[in-house]
């Protein structure tokens, strides 16, 4: 895996219930089409891992990204 930097992260506002992208203007979850409890910052990180057997693409989400960088999503720029 290449060295991960904060520049490689994708931030978005997500539903506090299901984690899917939320619509702040319409105040509903675009996934469940229900009223949002609240919007939270969510993060995704896409990367490729390479070893002797080949290359695999991975996507990790908020909880794993926070662990990898040892920061909470509120602490990230």
Protein backbone atom coordinates (compact mmCIF):
# COMPACT_ATOMS: atom_id res chain seq x y z
CA UNK A 1 0.00 0.00 0.00
CA UNK A 2 1.39 3.43 -0.85
CA UNK A 3 1.92 5.85 1.99
CA UNK A 4 -1.47 7.29 2.93
CA UNK A 5 -1.87 11.06 3.25
CA UNK A 6 -4.84 13.23 4.20
CA UNK A 7 -4.89 14.48 0.58
CA UNK A 8 -6.04 11.00 -0.50
CA UNK A 9 -9.25 11.12 1.55
CA UNK A 10 -12.76 11.95 0.30
CA UNK A 11 -14.96 13.80 2.81
CA UNK A 12 -18.74 14.10 2.61
CA UNK A 13 -21.76 14.74 4.83
CA UNK A 14 -23.54 11.51 5.63
CA UNK A 15 -26.65 10.35 7.44
CA UNK A 16 -26.03 9.66 11.12
CA UNK A 17 -28.26 6.58 10.89
CA UNK A 18 -27.12 4.70 7.75
CA UNK A 19 -23.91 6.54 6.78
CA UNK A 20 -25.01 7.19 3.20
CA UNK A 21 -24.54 10.61 1.59
CA UNK A 22 -27.12 13.07 2.87
CA UNK A 23 -28.69 16.11 1.26
CA UNK A 24 -28.17 19.06 3.61
CA UNK A 25 -30.54 21.33 1.68
CA UNK A 26 -33.45 18.91 1.66
CA UNK A 27 -32.64 17.49 5.10
CA UNK A 28 -33.23 13.90 4.10
CA UNK A 29 -31.14 10.81 3.56
CA UNK A 30 -30.66 10.24 -0.18
CA UNK A 31 -30.42 6.48 0.48
CA UNK A 32 -33.38 5.81 2.75
CA UNK A 33 -35.38 8.92 1.68
CA UNK A 34 -36.19 9.55 5.32
CA UNK A 35 -35.65 12.63 7.42
CA UNK A 36 -32.10 12.87 8.68
CA UNK A 37 -31.40 12.58 12.35
CA UNK A 38 -28.34 14.73 11.70
CA UNK A 39 -25.50 15.02 9.21
CA UNK A 40 -22.02 13.88 10.21
CA UNK A 41 -18.70 14.12 8.39
CA UNK A 42 -17.92 10.80 6.72
CA UNK A 43 -14.71 9.72 5.00
CA UNK A 44 -13.68 7.22 2.35
CA UNK A 45 -10.18 6.22 1.32
CA UNK A 46 -9.52 4.22 -1.85
CA UNK A 47 -6.19 2.51 -2.40
CA UNK A 48 -4.46 -0.38 -4.15
CA UNK A 49 -2.54 -3.08 -2.30
CA UNK A 50 0.14 -4.96 -4.23
CA UNK A 51 1.99 -8.14 -3.34
CA UNK A 52 3.50 -11.12 -5.15
CA UNK A 53 0.03 -12.51 -5.99
CA UNK A 54 -1.23 -9.34 -7.66
CA UNK A 55 -3.06 -6.08 -7.09
CA UNK A 56 -6.33 -5.52 -5.18
CA UNK A 57 -8.38 -2.35 -4.88
CA UNK A 58 -9.84 -1.45 -1.49
CA UNK A 59 -12.12 1.19 -0.07
CA UNK A 60 -12.23 1.83 3.65
CA UNK A 61 -14.72 4.01 5.45
CA UNK A 62 -14.84 6.43 8.37
CA UNK A 63 -14.13 4.13 11.32
CA UNK A 64 -11.19 2.40 9.62
CA UNK A 65 -9.82 5.71 8.26
CA UNK A 66 -9.91 7.21 11.74
CA UNK A 67 -7.94 4.21 13.03
CA UNK A 68 -5.41 4.37 10.18
CA UNK A 69 -4.69 8.08 10.72
CA UNK A 70 -5.23 8.02 14.50
CA UNK A 71 -7.60 11.00 14.19
CA UNK A 72 -11.36 11.46 14.41
CA UNK A 73 -13.23 12.81 11.39
CA UNK A 74 -13.79 16.06 13.33
CA UNK A 75 -10.01 16.50 13.70
CA UNK A 76 -9.26 16.05 10.00
CA UNK A 77 -9.12 19.11 7.70
